[in-house]
PDB file of N, CA and C in Angstrom:
ATOM      1  N   MET A   1     -14.674 121.718  43.098  1.00  0.00           N
ATOM      2  CA  MET A   1     -15.854 121.436  43.869  1.00  0.00           C
ATOM      3  C   MET A   1     -16.293 122.689  44.693  1.00  0.00           C
ATOM      4  N   LEU A   2     -17.539 122.886  44.743  1.00  0.00           N
ATOM      5  CA  LEU A   2     -18.047 123.939  45.621  1.00  0.00           C
ATOM      6  C   LEU A   2     -18.732 123.403  46.820  1.00  0.00           C
ATOM      7  N   ILE A   3     -18.671 124.169  47.952  1.00  0.00           N
ATOM      8  CA  ILE A   3     -19.282 123.774  49.187  1.00  0.00           C
ATOM      9  C   ILE A   3     -20.616 124.599  49.280  1.00  0.00           C
ATOM     10  N   PRO A   4     -21.760 123.877  49.290  1.00  0.00           N
ATOM     11  CA  PRO A   4     -23.026 124.545  49.397  1.00  0.00           C
ATOM     12  C   PRO A   4     -23.214 125.200  50.791  1.00  0.00           C
ATOM     13  N   LYS A   5     -23.996 126.376  50.789  1.00  0.00           N
ATOM     14  CA  LYS A   5     -24.318 127.016  52.045  1.00  0.00           C
ATOM     15  C   LYS A   5     -25.249 126.155  52.879  1.00  0.00           C
ATOM     16  N   LYS A   6     -25.092 126.288  54.198  1.00  0.00           N
ATOM     17  CA  LYS A   6     -25.981 125.483  55.156  1.00  0.00           C
ATOM     18  C   LYS A   6     -27.444 125.560  54.851  1.00  0.00           C
ATOM     19  N   GLU A   7     -27.913 126.741  54.505  1.00  0.00           N
ATOM     20  CA  GLU A   7     -29.322 126.957  54.200  1.00  0.00           C
ATOM     21  C   GLU A   7     -29.815 126.063  53.109  1.00  0.00           C
ATOM     22  N   ILE A   8     -29.012 125.939  52.028  1.00  0.00           N
ATOM     23  CA  ILE A   8     -29.336 125.165  50.959  1.00  0.00           C
ATOM     24  C   ILE A   8     -29.373 123.655  51.348  1.00  0.00           C
ATOM     25  N   VAL A   9     -28.396 123.262  52.119  1.00  0.00           N
ATOM     26  CA  VAL A   9     -28.355 121.797  52.585  1.00  0.00           C
ATOM     27  C   VAL A   9     -29.558 121.575  53.512  1.00  0.00           C
ATOM     28  N   LYS A  10     -29.902 122.450  54.417  1.00  0.00           N
ATOM     29  CA  LYS A  10     -31.013 122.222  55.277  1.00  0.00           C
ATOM     30  C   LYS A  10     -32.279 122.009  54.516  1.00  0.00           C
ATOM     31  N   PHE A  11     -32.448 122.884  53.474  1.00  0.00           N
ATOM     32  CA  PHE A  11     -33.710 122.746  52.606  1.00  0.00           C
ATOM     33  C   PHE A  11     -33.758 121.447  51.959  1.00  0.00           C
ATOM     34  N   ILE A  12     -32.619 121.074  51.357  1.00  0.00           N
ATOM     35  CA  ILE A  12     -32.538 119.704  50.638  1.00  0.00           C
ATOM     36  C   ILE A  12     -32.775 118.573  51.650  1.00  0.00           C
ATOM     37  N   LEU A  13     -32.128 118.656  52.866  1.00  0.00           N
ATOM     38  CA  LEU A  13     -32.314 117.633  53.900  1.00  0.00           C
ATOM     39  C   LEU A  13     -33.789 117.400  54.223  1.00  0.00           C
ATOM     40  N   LYS A  14     -34.477 118.460  54.438  1.00  0.00           N
ATOM     41  CA  LYS A  14     -35.948 118.336  54.787  1.00  0.00           C
ATOM     42  C   LYS A  14     -36.660 117.758  53.539  1.00  0.00           C
ATOM     43  N   ASP A  15     -36.381 118.178  52.399  1.00  0.00           N
ATOM     44  CA  ASP A  15     -37.095 117.690  51.194  1.00  0.00           C
ATOM     45  C   ASP A  15     -36.784 116.144  50.995  1.00  0.00           C
ATOM     46  N   VAL A  16     -35.596 115.724  51.240  1.00  0.00           N
ATOM     47  CA  VAL A  16     -35.143 114.324  51.015  1.00  0.00           C
ATOM     48  C   VAL A  16     -35.866 113.490  52.138  1.00  0.00           C
ATOM     49  N   LEU A  17     -35.775 113.987  53.454  1.00  0.00           N
ATOM     50  CA  LEU A  17     -36.342 113.221  54.595  1.00  0.00           C
ATOM     51  C   LEU A  17     -37.841 113.229  54.557  1.00  0.00           C
ATOM     52  N   HIS A  18     -38.431 114.160  53.892  1.00  0.00           N
ATOM     53  CA  HIS A  18     -39.858 114.225  53.800  1.00  0.00           C
ATOM     54  C   HIS A  18     -40.430 112.925  53.012  1.00  0.00           C
ATOM     55  N   ARG A  19     -39.537 112.461  52.132  1.00  0.00           N
ATOM     56  CA  ARG A  19     -39.866 111.293  51.242  1.00  0.00           C
ATOM     57  C   ARG A  19     -39.440 109.946  51.842  1.00  0.00           C
ATOM     58  N   GLN A  20     -38.386 109.967  52.599  1.00  0.00           N
ATOM     59  CA  GLN A  20     -37.886 108.694  53.104  1.00  0.00           C
ATOM     60  C   GLN A  20     -37.081 108.814  54.465  1.00  0.00           C
ATOM     61  N   ARG A  21     -36.948 107.753  55.184  1.00  0.00           N
ATOM     62  CA  ARG A  21     -36.091 107.682  56.316  1.00  0.00           C
ATOM     63  C   ARG A  21     -34.768 107.111  55.800  1.00  0.00           C
ATOM     64  N   ILE A  22     -33.654 107.717  56.290  1.00  0.00           N
ATOM     65  CA  ILE A  22     -32.292 107.266  55.766  1.00  0.00           C
ATOM     66  C   ILE A  22     -31.614 106.634  56.966  1.00  0.00           C
ATOM     67  N   LYS A  23     -31.022 105.458  56.753  1.00  0.00           N
ATOM     68  CA  LYS A  23     -30.430 104.677  57.880  1.00  0.00           C
ATOM     69  C   LYS A  23     -28.928 104.638  57.868  1.00  0.00           C
ATOM     70  N   SER A  24     -28.241 105.588  57.262  1.00  0.00           N
ATOM     71  CA  SER A  24     -26.786 105.697  57.477  1.00  0.00           C
ATOM     72  C   SER A  24     -26.355 107.122  57.048  1.00  0.00           C
ATOM     73  N   GLN A  25     -25.265 107.466  57.653  1.00  0.00           N
ATOM     74  CA  GLN A  25     -24.628 108.819  57.300  1.00  0.00           C
ATOM     75  C   GLN A  25     -24.186 108.867  55.882  1.00  0.00           C
ATOM     76  N   ALA A  26     -23.571 107.780  55.448  1.00  0.00           N
ATOM     77  CA  ALA A  26     -23.085 107.744  54.047  1.00  0.00           C
ATOM     78  C   ALA A  26     -24.204 107.801  52.992  1.00  0.00           C
ATOM     79  N   ARG A  27     -25.310 107.155  53.292  1.00  0.00           N
ATOM     80  CA  ARG A  27     -26.481 107.203  52.399  1.00  0.00           C
ATOM     81  C   ARG A  27     -27.052 108.623  52.430  1.00  0.00           C
ATOM     82  N   LEU A  28     -27.088 109.319  53.607  1.00  0.00           N
ATOM     83  CA  LEU A  28     -27.578 110.652  53.664  1.00  0.00           C
ATOM     84  C   LEU A  28     -26.716 111.535  52.731  1.00  0.00           C
ATOM     85  N   ALA A  29     -25.391 111.453  52.894  1.00  0.00           N
ATOM     86  CA  ALA A  29     -24.556 112.266  52.078  1.00  0.00           C
ATOM     87  C   ALA A  29     -24.754 111.952  50.518  1.00  0.00           C
ATOM     88  N   GLU A  30     -24.914 110.711  50.259  1.00  0.00           N
ATOM     89  CA  GLU A  30     -25.178 110.280  48.810  1.00  0.00           C
ATOM     90  C   GLU A  30     -26.466 110.947  48.246  1.00  0.00           C
ATOM     91  N   VAL A  31     -27.552 110.742  48.971  1.00  0.00           N
ATOM     92  CA  VAL A  31     -28.802 111.244  48.467  1.00  0.00           C
ATOM     93  C   VAL A  31     -28.832 112.819  48.504  1.00  0.00           C
ATOM     94  N   VAL A  32     -28.253 113.436  49.526  1.00  0.00           N
ATOM     95  CA  VAL A  32     -28.208 114.953  49.516  1.00  0.00           C
ATOM     96  C   VAL A  32     -27.279 115.399  48.428  1.00  0.00           C
ATOM     97  N   GLY A  33     -26.223 114.723  48.214  1.00  0.00           N
ATOM     98  CA  GLY A  33     -25.263 115.115  47.119  1.00  0.00           C
ATOM     99  C   GLY A  33     -25.874 115.019  45.772  1.00  0.00           C
ATOM    100  N   LYS A  34     -26.597 114.024  45.517  1.00  0.00           N
ATOM    101  CA  LYS A  34     -27.242 113.841  44.168  1.00  0.00           C
ATOM    102  C   LYS A  34     -28.313 115.026  43.998  1.00  0.00           C
ATOM    103  N   LYS A  35     -29.023 115.379  45.008  1.00  0.00           N
ATOM    104  CA  LYS A  35     -30.018 116.448  44.913  1.00  0.00           C
ATOM    105  C   LYS A  35     -29.249 117.826  44.743  1.00  0.00           C
ATOM    106  N   LEU A  36     -28.142 117.973  45.415  1.00  0.00           N
ATOM    107  CA  LEU A  36     -27.312 119.177  45.284  1.00  0.00           C
ATOM    108  C   LEU A  36     -26.873 119.350  43.822  1.00  0.00           C
ATOM    109  N   LYS A  37     -26.411 118.273  43.243  1.00  0.00           N
ATOM    110  CA  LYS A  37     -25.793 118.285  41.932  1.00  0.00           C
ATOM    111  C   LYS A  37     -26.906 118.633  40.879  1.00  0.00           C
ATOM    112  N   GLN A  38     -28.165 118.436  41.201  1.00  0.00           N
ATOM    113  CA  GLN A  38     -29.239 118.796  40.220  1.00  0.00           C
ATOM    114  C   GLN A  38     -29.271 120.294  40.042  1.00  0.00           C
ATOM    115  N   GLY A  39     -28.903 121.056  41.231  1.00  0.00           N
ATOM    116  CA  GLY A  39     -28.829 122.511  41.119  1.00  0.00           C
ATOM    117  C   GLY A  39     -27.514 123.000  40.509  1.00  0.00           C
ATOM    118  N   ASP A  40     -26.370 122.386  40.873  1.00  0.00           N
ATOM    119  CA  ASP A  40     -25.112 122.771  40.415  1.00  0.00           C
ATOM    120  C   ASP A  40     -24.143 121.568  40.410  1.00  0.00           C
ATOM    121  N   LYS A  41     -23.667 121.214  39.289  1.00  0.00           N
ATOM    122  CA  LYS A  41     -22.834 120.008  39.182  1.00  0.00           C
ATOM    123  C   LYS A  41     -21.613 120.029  39.982  1.00  0.00           C
ATOM    124  N   ASN A  42     -21.115 121.198  40.440  1.00  0.00           N
ATOM    125  CA  ASN A  42     -19.910 121.375  41.175  1.00  0.00           C
ATOM    126  C   ASN A  42     -20.068 121.175  42.640  1.00  0.00           C
ATOM    127  N   TYR A  43     -21.368 121.125  43.149  1.00  0.00           N
ATOM    128  CA  TYR A  43     -21.584 121.022  44.603  1.00  0.00           C
ATOM    129  C   TYR A  43     -21.207 119.687  45.028  1.00  0.00           C
ATOM    130  N   ALA A  44     -20.613 119.603  46.332  1.00  0.00           N
ATOM    131  CA  ALA A  44     -20.252 118.317  46.934  1.00  0.00           C
ATOM    132  C   ALA A  44     -20.434 118.517  48.515  1.00  0.00           C
ATOM    133  N   ILE A  45     -20.751 117.404  49.068  1.00  0.00           N
ATOM    134  CA  ILE A  45     -20.898 117.443  50.541  1.00  0.00           C
ATOM    135  C   ILE A  45     -20.331 116.127  51.152  1.00  0.00           C
ATOM    136  N   SER A  46     -19.654 116.276  52.319  1.00  0.00           N
ATOM    137  CA  SER A  46     -19.148 115.034  52.974  1.00  0.00           C
ATOM    138  C   SER A  46     -20.239 114.447  53.865  1.00  0.00           C
ATOM    139  N   ALA A  47     -20.071 113.243  54.287  1.00  0.00           N
ATOM    140  CA  ALA A  47     -21.012 112.588  55.137  1.00  0.00           C
ATOM    141  C   ALA A  47     -20.990 113.221  56.506  1.00  0.00           C
ATOM    142  N   GLN A  48     -19.869 113.660  56.980  1.00  0.00           N
ATOM    143  CA  GLN A  48     -19.757 114.292  58.240  1.00  0.00           C
ATOM    144  C   GLN A  48     -20.463 115.603  58.320  1.00  0.00           C
ATOM    145  N   ARG A  49     -20.302 116.451  57.202  1.00  0.00           N
ATOM    146  CA  ARG A  49     -20.950 117.725  57.111  1.00  0.00           C
ATOM    147  C   ARG A  49     -22.406 117.630  57.028  1.00  0.00           C
ATOM    148  N   ALA A  50     -22.878 116.654  56.269  1.00  0.00           N
ATOM    149  CA  ALA A  50     -24.349 116.364  56.154  1.00  0.00           C
ATOM    150  C   ALA A  50     -24.932 115.987  57.505  1.00  0.00           C
ATOM    151  N   ARG A  51     -24.231 115.207  58.236  1.00  0.00           N
ATOM    152  CA  ARG A  51     -24.681 114.794  59.605  1.00  0.00           C
ATOM    153  C   ARG A  51     -24.752 115.961  60.513  1.00  0.00           C
ATOM    154  N   ILE A  52     -23.657 116.780  60.573  1.00  0.00           N
ATOM    155  CA  ILE A  52     -23.697 117.961  61.467  1.00  0.00           C
ATOM    156  C   ILE A  52     -24.820 118.946  61.115  1.00  0.00           C
ATOM    157  N   ILE A  53     -24.977 119.265  59.834  1.00  0.00           N
ATOM    158  CA  ILE A  53     -25.975 120.132  59.394  1.00  0.00           C
ATOM    159  C   ILE A  53     -27.388 119.523  59.760  1.00  0.00           C
ATOM    160  N   ALA A  54     -27.544 118.231  59.666  1.00  0.00           N
ATOM    161  CA  ALA A  54     -28.861 117.605  60.127  1.00  0.00           C
ATOM    162  C   ALA A  54     -29.069 117.721  61.597  1.00  0.00           C
ATOM    163  N   THR A  55     -28.054 117.772  62.439  1.00  0.00           N
ATOM    164  CA  THR A  55     -28.245 117.997  63.844  1.00  0.00           C
ATOM    165  C   THR A  55     -28.684 119.412  64.118  1.00  0.00           C
ATOM    166  N   GLU A  56     -28.334 120.345  63.224  1.00  0.00           N
ATOM    167  CA  GLU A  56     -28.719 121.744  63.401  1.00  0.00           C
ATOM    168  C   GLU A  56     -30.060 122.148  62.765  1.00  0.00           C
ATOM    169  N   THR A  57     -30.603 121.217  62.024  1.00  0.00           N
ATOM    170  CA  THR A  57     -31.936 121.480  61.254  1.00  0.00           C
ATOM    171  C   THR A  57     -33.067 121.176  62.152  1.00  0.00           C
ATOM    172  N   PRO A  58     -33.905 122.139  62.432  1.00  0.00           N
ATOM    173  CA  PRO A  58     -35.114 121.924  63.224  1.00  0.00           C
ATOM    174  C   PRO A  58     -36.072 120.948  62.360  1.00  0.00           C
ATOM    175  N   GLY A  59     -36.716 120.037  63.109  1.00  0.00           N
ATOM    176  CA  GLY A  59     -37.589 119.068  62.546  1.00  0.00           C
ATOM    177  C   GLY A  59     -36.923 117.777  62.066  1.00  0.00           C
ATOM    178  N   VAL A  60     -35.659 117.693  62.177  1.00  0.00           N
ATOM    179  CA  VAL A  60     -35.043 116.466  61.838  1.00  0.00           C
ATOM    180  C   VAL A  60     -34.661 115.700  63.080  1.00  0.00           C
ATOM    181  N   ARG A  61     -35.047 114.390  63.089  1.00  0.00           N
ATOM    182  CA  ARG A  61     -34.772 113.531  64.285  1.00  0.00           C
ATOM    183  C   ARG A  61     -33.650 112.620  63.839  1.00  0.00           C
ATOM    184  N   ILE A  62     -32.583 112.458  64.745  1.00  0.00           N
ATOM    185  CA  ILE A  62     -31.553 111.562  64.567  1.00  0.00           C
ATOM    186  C   ILE A  62     -31.480 110.541  65.696  1.00  0.00           C
ATOM    187  N   ARG A  63     -31.498 109.272  65.278  1.00  0.00           N
ATOM    188  CA  ARG A  63     -31.323 108.162  66.212  1.00  0.00           C
ATOM    189  C   ARG A  63     -29.874 107.660  66.055  1.00  0.00           C
ATOM    190  N   ILE A  64     -29.253 107.475  67.206  1.00  0.00           N
ATOM    191  CA  ILE A  64     -27.785 106.984  67.119  1.00  0.00           C
ATOM    192  C   ILE A  64     -27.697 105.666  67.869  1.00  0.00           C
ATOM    193  N   LYS A  65     -27.192 104.692  67.276  1.00  0.00           N
ATOM    194  CA  LYS A  65     -26.945 103.439  67.897  1.00  0.00           C
ATOM    195  C   LYS A  65     -25.347 103.477  68.205  1.00  0.00           C
ATOM    196  N   THR A  66     -24.982 103.006  69.440  1.00  0.00           N
ATOM    197  CA  THR A  66     -23.664 103.055  69.880  1.00  0.00           C
ATOM    198  C   THR A  66     -23.052 101.680  70.033  1.00  0.00           C
ATOM    199  N   ARG A  67     -21.744 101.682  70.113  1.00  0.00           N
ATOM    200  CA  ARG A  67     -20.974 100.389  70.398  1.00  0.00           C
ATOM    201  C   ARG A  67     -19.890 100.741  71.359  1.00  0.00           C
ATOM    202  N   LYS A  68     -19.239  99.641  71.855  1.00  0.00           N
ATOM    203  CA  LYS A  68     -18.102  99.878  72.869  1.00  0.00           C
ATOM    204  C   LYS A  68     -16.934 100.657  72.150  1.00  0.00           C
ATOM    205  N   GLY A  69     -16.336 101.491  72.987  1.00  0.00           N
ATOM    206  CA  GLY A  69     -15.248 102.215  72.493  1.00  0.00           C
ATOM    207  C   GLY A  69     -14.751 103.218  73.579  1.00  0.00           C
ATOM    208  N   LYS A  70     -13.874 104.105  73.081  1.00  0.00           N
ATOM    209  CA  LYS A  70     -13.227 105.082  73.978  1.00  0.00           C
ATOM    210  C   LYS A  70     -14.301 106.224  74.375  1.00  0.00           C
ATOM    211  N   LEU A  71     -14.177 106.673  75.595  1.00  0.00           N
ATOM    212  CA  LEU A  71     -15.039 107.767  76.119  1.00  0.00           C
ATOM    213  C   LEU A  71     -14.713 109.006  75.407  1.00  0.00           C
ATOM    214  N   PRO A  72     -15.733 109.619  74.753  1.00  0.00           N
ATOM    215  CA  PRO A  72     -15.541 110.913  73.980  1.00  0.00           C
ATOM    216  C   PRO A  72     -15.481 112.101  74.854  1.00  0.00           C
ATOM    217  N   ARG A  73     -14.755 113.170  74.426  1.00  0.00           N
ATOM    218  CA  ARG A  73     -14.738 114.408  75.191  1.00  0.00           C
ATOM    219  C   ARG A  73     -15.899 115.260  74.741  1.00  0.00           C
ATOM    220  N   LYS A  74     -16.177 115.279  73.475  1.00  0.00           N
ATOM    221  CA  LYS A  74     -17.284 116.065  72.952  1.00  0.00           C
ATOM    222  C   LYS A  74     -18.266 115.083  72.233  1.00  0.00           C
ATOM    223  N   CYS A  75     -19.445 115.568  71.922  1.00  0.00           N
ATOM    224  CA  CYS A  75     -20.455 114.640  71.276  1.00  0.00           C
ATOM    225  C   CYS A  75     -19.880 114.234  69.954  1.00  0.00           C
ATOM    226  N   PRO A  76     -19.842 112.853  69.794  1.00  0.00           N
ATOM    227  CA  PRO A  76     -19.343 112.362  68.531  1.00  0.00           C
ATOM    228  C   PRO A  76     -20.256 112.662  67.297  1.00  0.00           C
ATOM    229  N   ALA A  77     -21.530 113.037  67.525  1.00  0.00           N
ATOM    230  CA  ALA A  77     -22.363 113.273  66.399  1.00  0.00           C
ATOM    231  C   ALA A  77     -22.395 114.795  66.031  1.00  0.00           C
ATOM    232  N   CYS A  78     -22.261 115.717  66.943  1.00  0.00           N
ATOM    233  CA  CYS A  78     -22.406 117.113  66.555  1.00  0.00           C
ATOM    234  C   CYS A  78     -21.293 118.059  67.191  1.00  0.00           C
ATOM    235  N   ASN A  79     -20.395 117.456  67.846  1.00  0.00           N
ATOM    236  CA  ASN A  79     -19.212 118.188  68.568  1.00  0.00           C
ATOM    237  C   ASN A  79     -19.680 119.195  69.639  1.00  0.00           C
ATOM    238  N   HIS A  80     -20.822 118.948  70.255  1.00  0.00           N
ATOM    239  CA  HIS A  80     -21.369 119.745  71.275  1.00  0.00           C
ATOM    240  C   HIS A  80     -20.858 119.248  72.615  1.00  0.00           C
ATOM    241  N   LYS A  81     -21.024 120.044  73.696  1.00  0.00           N
ATOM    242  CA  LYS A  81     -20.550 119.605  75.000  1.00  0.00           C
ATOM    243  C   LYS A  81     -21.501 118.489  75.544  1.00  0.00           C
ATOM    244  N   LEU A  82     -20.951 117.431  76.120  1.00  0.00           N
ATOM    245  CA  LEU A  82     -21.755 116.336  76.700  1.00  0.00           C
ATOM    246  C   LEU A  82     -22.031 116.513  78.142  1.00  0.00           C
ATOM    247  N   LYS A  83     -23.153 116.092  78.544  1.00  0.00           N
ATOM    248  CA  LYS A  83     -23.542 116.099  79.973  1.00  0.00           C
ATOM    249  C   LYS A  83     -23.306 114.698  80.588  1.00  0.00           C
ATOM    250  N   LYS A  84     -22.593 114.608  81.664  1.00  0.00           N
ATOM    251  CA  LYS A  84     -22.263 113.366  82.289  1.00  0.00           C
ATOM    252  C   LYS A  84     -23.291 113.023  83.354  1.00  0.00           C
ATOM    253  N   VAL A  85     -23.807 111.776  83.369  1.00  0.00           N
ATOM    254  CA  VAL A  85     -24.784 111.313  84.333  1.00  0.00           C
ATOM    255  C   VAL A  85     -24.094 110.323  85.226  1.00  0.00           C
ATOM    256  N   TYR A  86     -24.152 110.632  86.592  1.00  0.00           N
ATOM    257  CA  TYR A  86     -23.496 109.803  87.516  1.00  0.00           C
ATOM    258  C   TYR A  86     -24.474 109.153  88.444  1.00  0.00           C
ATOM    259  N   THR A  87     -24.095 108.055  89.110  1.00  0.00           N
ATOM    260  CA  THR A  87     -24.813 107.427  90.195  1.00  0.00           C
ATOM    261  C   THR A  87     -23.679 106.995  91.192  1.00  0.00           C
ATOM    262  N   LYS A  88     -24.206 106.573  92.362  1.00  0.00           N
ATOM    263  CA  LYS A  88     -23.304 106.056  93.385  1.00  0.00           C
ATOM    264  C   LYS A  88     -23.368 104.570  93.444  1.00  0.00           C
ATOM    265  N   ASN A  89     -22.233 103.879  93.579  1.00  0.00           N
ATOM    266  CA  ASN A  89     -22.240 102.439  93.736  1.00  0.00           C
ATOM    267  C   ASN A  89     -22.511 102.048  95.186  1.00  0.00           C
ATOM    268  N   LEU A  90     -22.381 100.789  95.501  1.00  0.00           N
ATOM    269  CA  LEU A  90     -22.674 100.334  96.885  1.00  0.00           C
ATOM    270  C   LEU A  90     -21.680 100.737  97.863  1.00  0.00           C
ATOM    271  N   ARG A  91     -20.483 101.135  97.382  1.00  0.00           N
ATOM    272  CA  ARG A  91     -19.432 101.637  98.250  1.00  0.00           C
ATOM    273  C   ARG A  91     -19.450 103.203  98.371  1.00  0.00           C
ATOM    274  N   GLY A  92     -20.472 103.803  97.817  1.00  0.00           N
ATOM    275  CA  GLY A  92     -20.620 105.208  97.953  1.00  0.00           C
ATOM    276  C   GLY A  92     -19.760 106.027  96.838  1.00  0.00           C
ATOM    277  N   ARG A  93     -19.155 105.326  95.934  1.00  0.00           N
ATOM    278  CA  ARG A  93     -18.307 106.053  94.966  1.00  0.00           C
ATOM    279  C   ARG A  93     -19.141 106.504  93.812  1.00  0.00           C
ATOM    280  N   LYS A  94     -18.764 107.613  93.212  1.00  0.00           N
ATOM    281  CA  LYS A  94     -19.482 108.155  92.101  1.00  0.00           C
ATOM    282  C   LYS A  94     -18.984 107.419  90.805  1.00  0.00           C
ATOM    283  N   VAL A  95     -20.034 106.984  90.064  1.00  0.00           N
ATOM    284  CA  VAL A  95     -19.749 106.139  88.839  1.00  0.00           C
ATOM    285  C   VAL A  95     -20.452 106.797  87.651  1.00  0.00           C
ATOM    286  N   LEU A  96     -19.734 106.964  86.538  1.00  0.00           N
ATOM    287  CA  LEU A  96     -20.338 107.457  85.261  1.00  0.00           C
ATOM    288  C   LEU A  96     -21.179 106.322  84.699  1.00  0.00           C
ATOM    289  N   VAL A  97     -22.510 106.618  84.418  1.00  0.00           N
ATOM    290  CA  VAL A  97     -23.323 105.684  83.829  1.00  0.00           C
ATOM    291  C   VAL A  97     -23.887 106.028  82.453  1.00  0.00           C
ATOM    292  N   ALA A  98     -23.799 107.385  82.124  1.00  0.00           N
ATOM    293  CA  ALA A  98     -24.305 107.784  80.823  1.00  0.00           C
ATOM    294  C   ALA A  98     -23.746 109.162  80.361  1.00  0.00           C
ATOM    295  N   LEU A  99     -23.789 109.376  79.080  1.00  0.00           N
ATOM    296  CA  LEU A  99     -23.352 110.665  78.547  1.00  0.00           C
ATOM    297  C   LEU A  99     -24.543 111.023  77.655  1.00  0.00           C
ATOM    298  N   ARG A 100     -24.979 112.331  77.707  1.00  0.00           N
ATOM    299  CA  ARG A 100     -26.102 112.856  76.891  1.00  0.00           C
ATOM    300  C   ARG A 100     -25.676 114.223  76.289  1.00  0.00           C
ATOM    301  N   CYS A 101     -26.197 114.418  75.097  1.00  0.00           N
ATOM    302  CA  CYS A 101     -25.928 115.641  74.384  1.00  0.00           C
ATOM    303  C   CYS A 101     -27.311 116.389  74.345  1.00  0.00           C
ATOM    304  N   SER A 102     -27.321 117.656  74.719  1.00  0.00           N
ATOM    305  CA  SER A 102     -28.544 118.444  74.771  1.00  0.00           C
ATOM    306  C   SER A 102     -28.936 119.003  73.341  1.00  0.00           C
ATOM    307  N   LYS A 103     -27.921 118.948  72.400  1.00  0.00           N
ATOM    308  CA  LYS A 103     -28.147 119.487  71.011  1.00  0.00           C
ATOM    309  C   LYS A 103     -28.780 118.482  70.194  1.00  0.00           C
ATOM    310  N   CYS A 104     -28.185 117.284  70.163  1.00  0.00           N
ATOM    311  CA  CYS A 104     -28.693 116.201  69.256  1.00  0.00           C
ATOM    312  C   CYS A 104     -29.280 115.042  70.162  1.00  0.00           C
ATOM    313  N   ASN A 105     -29.485 113.923  69.578  1.00  0.00           N
ATOM    314  CA  ASN A 105     -30.164 112.841  70.279  1.00  0.00           C
ATOM    315  C   ASN A 105     -29.108 111.788  70.758  1.00  0.00           C
ATOM    316  N   TYR A 106     -27.854 112.194  70.897  1.00  0.00           N
ATOM    317  CA  TYR A 106     -26.782 111.300  71.283  1.00  0.00           C
ATOM    318  C   TYR A 106     -26.972 110.870  72.792  1.00  0.00           C
ATOM    319  N   LYS A 107     -26.899 109.585  73.018  1.00  0.00           N
ATOM    320  CA  LYS A 107     -26.839 108.987  74.417  1.00  0.00           C
ATOM    321  C   LYS A 107     -25.939 107.824  74.395  1.00  0.00           C
ATOM    322  N   GLY A 108     -24.908 107.944  75.243  1.00  0.00           N
ATOM    323  CA  GLY A 108     -24.023 106.708  75.463  1.00  0.00           C
ATOM    324  C   GLY A 108     -24.190 106.180  76.841  1.00  0.00           C
ATOM    325  N   SER A 109     -24.136 104.866  77.038  1.00  0.00           N
ATOM    326  CA  SER A 109     -24.222 104.293  78.318  1.00  0.00           C
ATOM    327  C   SER A 109     -23.702 102.866  78.267  1.00  0.00           C
ATOM    328  N   GLY A 110     -23.411 102.336  79.399  1.00  0.00           N
ATOM    329  CA  GLY A 110     -22.902 100.994  79.531  1.00  0.00           C
ATOM    330  C   GLY A 110     -21.647 100.722  78.752  1.00  0.00           C
ATOM    331  N   ASN A 111     -20.698 101.635  78.689  1.00  0.00           N
ATOM    332  CA  ASN A 111     -19.464 101.559  77.972  1.00  0.00           C
ATOM    333  C   ASN A 111     -19.650 101.581  76.547  1.00  0.00           C
ATOM    334  N   LYS A 112     -20.753 101.911  76.007  1.00  0.00           N
ATOM    335  CA  LYS A 112     -21.126 102.019  74.599  1.00  0.00           C
ATOM    336  C   LYS A 112     -21.125 103.539  74.245  1.00  0.00           C
ATOM    337  N   TRP A 113     -19.963 104.017  73.818  1.00  0.00           N
ATOM    338  CA  TRP A 113     -19.782 105.468  73.590  1.00  0.00           C
ATOM    339  C   TRP A 113     -19.733 105.836  72.125  1.00  0.00           C
ATOM    340  N   VAL A 114     -19.251 104.918  71.260  1.00  0.00           N
ATOM    341  CA  VAL A 114     -18.955 105.257  69.884  1.00  0.00           C
ATOM    342  C   VAL A 114     -20.126 105.078  69.030  1.00  0.00           C
ATOM    343  N   PRO A 115     -20.550 106.068  68.168  1.00  0.00           N
ATOM    344  CA  PRO A 115     -21.750 105.838  67.282  1.00  0.00           C
ATOM    345  C   PRO A 115     -21.349 104.768  66.206  1.00  0.00           C
ATOM    346  N   SER A 116     -22.280 103.809  65.955  1.00  0.00           N
ATOM    347  CA  SER A 116     -22.053 102.815  64.991  1.00  0.00           C
ATOM    348  C   SER A 116     -23.035 102.935  63.847  1.00  0.00           C
ATOM    349  N   MET A 117     -24.195 103.625  64.082  1.00  0.00           N
ATOM    350  CA  MET A 117     -25.187 103.813  63.033  1.00  0.00           C
ATOM    351  C   MET A 117     -26.032 105.033  63.385  1.00  0.00           C
ATOM    352  N   TYR A 118     -26.313 105.759  62.350  1.00  0.00           N
ATOM    353  CA  TYR A 118     -27.213 106.919  62.419  1.00  0.00           C
ATOM    354  C   TYR A 118     -28.441 106.660  61.648  1.00  0.00           C
ATOM    355  N   GLU A 119     -29.584 107.157  62.059  1.00  0.00           N
ATOM    356  CA  GLU A 119     -30.829 107.045  61.378  1.00  0.00           C
ATOM    357  C   GLU A 119     -31.485 108.426  61.355  1.00  0.00           C
ATOM    358  N   PHE A 120     -31.793 108.971  60.153  1.00  0.00           N
ATOM    359  CA  PHE A 120     -32.320 110.282  60.010  1.00  0.00           C
ATOM    360  C   PHE A 120     -33.781 110.231  59.517  1.00  0.00           C
ATOM    361  N   GLU A 121     -34.676 111.079  60.115  1.00  0.00           N
ATOM    362  CA  GLU A 121     -36.052 111.182  59.662  1.00  0.00           C
ATOM    363  C   GLU A 121     -36.629 112.536  60.123  1.00  0.00           C
ATOM    364  N   LEU A 122     -37.669 112.848  59.548  1.00  0.00           N
ATOM    365  CA  LEU A 122     -38.396 114.160  59.965  1.00  0.00           C
ATOM    366  C   LEU A 122     -39.256 113.775  61.190  1.00  0.00           C
ATOM    367  N   LYS A 123     -39.320 114.693  62.105  1.00  0.00           N
ATOM    368  CA  LYS A 123     -40.212 114.481  63.248  1.00  0.00           C
ATOM    369  C   LYS A 123     -41.694 114.626  62.731  1.00  0.00           C
ATOM    370  N   ALA A 124     -42.556 113.950  63.389  1.00  0.00           N
ATOM    371  CA  ALA A 124     -43.992 113.971  62.987  1.00  0.00           C
ATOM    372  C   ALA A 124     -44.476 115.331  63.406  1.00  0.00           C
ATOM    373  N   SER A 125     -45.143 116.027  62.487  1.00  0.00           N
ATOM    374  CA  SER A 125     -45.635 117.371  62.711  1.00  0.00           C
ATOM    375  C   SER A 125     -46.972 117.227  63.602  1.00  0.00           C
ATOM    376  N   ASP A 126     -47.059 118.080  64.583  1.00  0.00           N
ATOM    377  CA  ASP A 126     -48.202 118.083  65.535  1.00  0.00           C
ATOM    378  C   ASP A 126     -49.385 118.727  64.880  1.00  0.00           C
TER     379      ASP A 126
END
């Protein structure tokens, strides 16, 4: 198996997302993998790599739905540093209310930190 270069995957991602919205990470890898194999039968891509490259591709919008789970140290979508958003409760104590990633569209709040579903689409061109 061969691992395709990021530039090739980015080009194919945009081509695929130009035609359709994809509602899961596994489906994204499946569709991109099929398109890659048209160029070279030995190319393969994992769902995680397809998602991470999608976060790095300009013009691609990722919506992330979250569920309850353990508080992450890094962004679970792109492995980038997370920004913590705090507020004060009635007793004046600082309370974590949300996590945000400046690189991708990840937002976790209300004890819902773990991604449960990804949706990929091209941003509307201005």
